[in-house]
Amino acid sequence: MNLFKALYRYDEPKPNHKLVDDLEAGDWFESDKRFFEKVAEQRTRSRCMELTTGKMYLFSGITEVRQIKRDWRQIA
């Protein structure tokens, strides 16, 4: 995973995109047209809650997602 992160730093940056590991707990993000909040980190994954259903999902730390502002109007 560290090799992936090192090589990722050389990729062309996309606006508002980050790795899940680079997000703080409480940050919102979009993945596959679904909206999530990062809740907590586990060993190599992050526990995230889907905002519309409240279901919990595990995301690998190297998953690239689009960070969004905490605004309910954006996901409604």
Protein backbone atom coordinates (compact mmCIF):
# COMPACT_ATOMS: atom_id res chain seq x y z
CA MET A 1 0.00 0.00 0.00
CA ASN A 2 2.87 2.40 0.67
CA LEU A 3 4.18 1.90 -2.87
CA PHE A 4 0.76 2.78 -4.29
CA LYS A 5 0.64 5.98 -2.22
CA ALA A 6 4.14 6.96 -3.31
CA LEU A 7 3.31 6.46 -6.98
CA TYR A 8 -0.08 8.18 -6.58
CA ARG A 9 1.72 11.41 -5.65
CA TYR A 10 3.13 11.54 -9.20
CA ASP A 11 -0.26 11.17 -10.92
CA GLU A 12 -1.99 14.15 -12.51
CA PRO A 13 -4.03 15.72 -9.68
CA LYS A 14 -7.81 15.73 -10.06
CA PRO A 15 -9.76 18.58 -8.46
CA ASN A 16 -11.26 17.67 -5.05
CA HIS A 17 -10.03 14.06 -5.26
CA LYS A 18 -8.18 12.42 -2.38
CA LEU A 19 -7.38 9.00 -1.01
CA VAL A 20 -9.64 7.82 1.81
CA ASP A 21 -6.56 7.67 4.09
CA ASP A 22 -6.00 11.41 3.54
CA LEU A 23 -9.49 12.35 4.79
CA GLU A 24 -10.19 13.23 8.42
CA ALA A 25 -12.94 11.59 10.46
CA GLY A 26 -16.17 13.49 9.77
CA ASP A 27 -15.24 14.46 6.20
CA TRP A 28 -17.81 13.80 3.48
CA PHE A 29 -16.98 12.27 0.12
CA GLU A 30 -18.58 10.86 -3.02
CA SER A 31 -17.88 7.43 -4.47
CA ASP A 32 -19.87 5.89 -7.35
CA LYS A 33 -22.53 8.65 -7.13
CA ARG A 34 -23.16 7.80 -3.46
CA PHE A 35 -22.29 10.04 -0.53
CA PHE A 36 -20.41 8.93 2.59
CA GLU A 37 -18.98 10.27 5.82
CA LYS A 38 -15.71 8.88 7.15
CA VAL A 39 -16.42 7.67 10.67
CA ALA A 40 -13.30 5.89 11.93
CA GLU A 41 -10.11 4.22 10.80
CA GLN A 42 -9.41 0.57 11.31
CA ARG A 43 -6.10 -1.11 10.50
CA THR A 44 -5.99 -0.78 6.72
CA ARG A 45 -9.55 0.34 6.04
CA SER A 46 -11.86 3.15 7.02
CA ARG A 47 -15.38 2.68 8.32
CA CYS A 48 -17.71 5.03 6.47
CA MET A 49 -21.44 5.69 6.69
CA GLU A 50 -23.57 6.20 3.61
CA LEU A 51 -25.40 9.46 4.27
CA THR A 52 -28.71 8.58 2.60
CA THR A 53 -29.25 5.14 4.19
CA GLY A 54 -27.07 5.15 7.31
CA LYS A 55 -25.43 1.85 6.30
CA MET A 56 -21.79 1.29 7.23
CA TYR A 57 -19.18 0.34 4.63
CA LEU A 58 -15.44 -0.37 4.74
CA PHE A 59 -13.22 1.47 2.27
CA SER A 60 -9.63 0.61 1.50
CA GLY A 61 -7.28 3.46 2.36
CA ILE A 62 -6.07 3.70 -1.22
CA THR A 63 -9.52 4.27 -2.72
CA GLU A 64 -9.66 7.56 -4.61
CA VAL A 65 -12.80 9.58 -3.82
CA ARG A 66 -14.10 13.09 -4.44
CA GLN A 67 -14.23 15.15 -1.26
CA ILE A 68 -17.34 17.31 -0.85
CA LYS A 69 -18.39 20.03 1.57
CA ARG A 70 -20.69 19.15 4.47
CA ASP A 71 -23.91 20.42 2.89
CA TRP A 72 -27.13 18.41 2.75
CA ARG A 73 -28.36 20.39 -0.25
CA GLN A 74 -25.48 18.94 -2.26
CA ILE A 75 -26.65 15.34 -1.81
CA ALA A 76 -30.42 15.80 -1.88
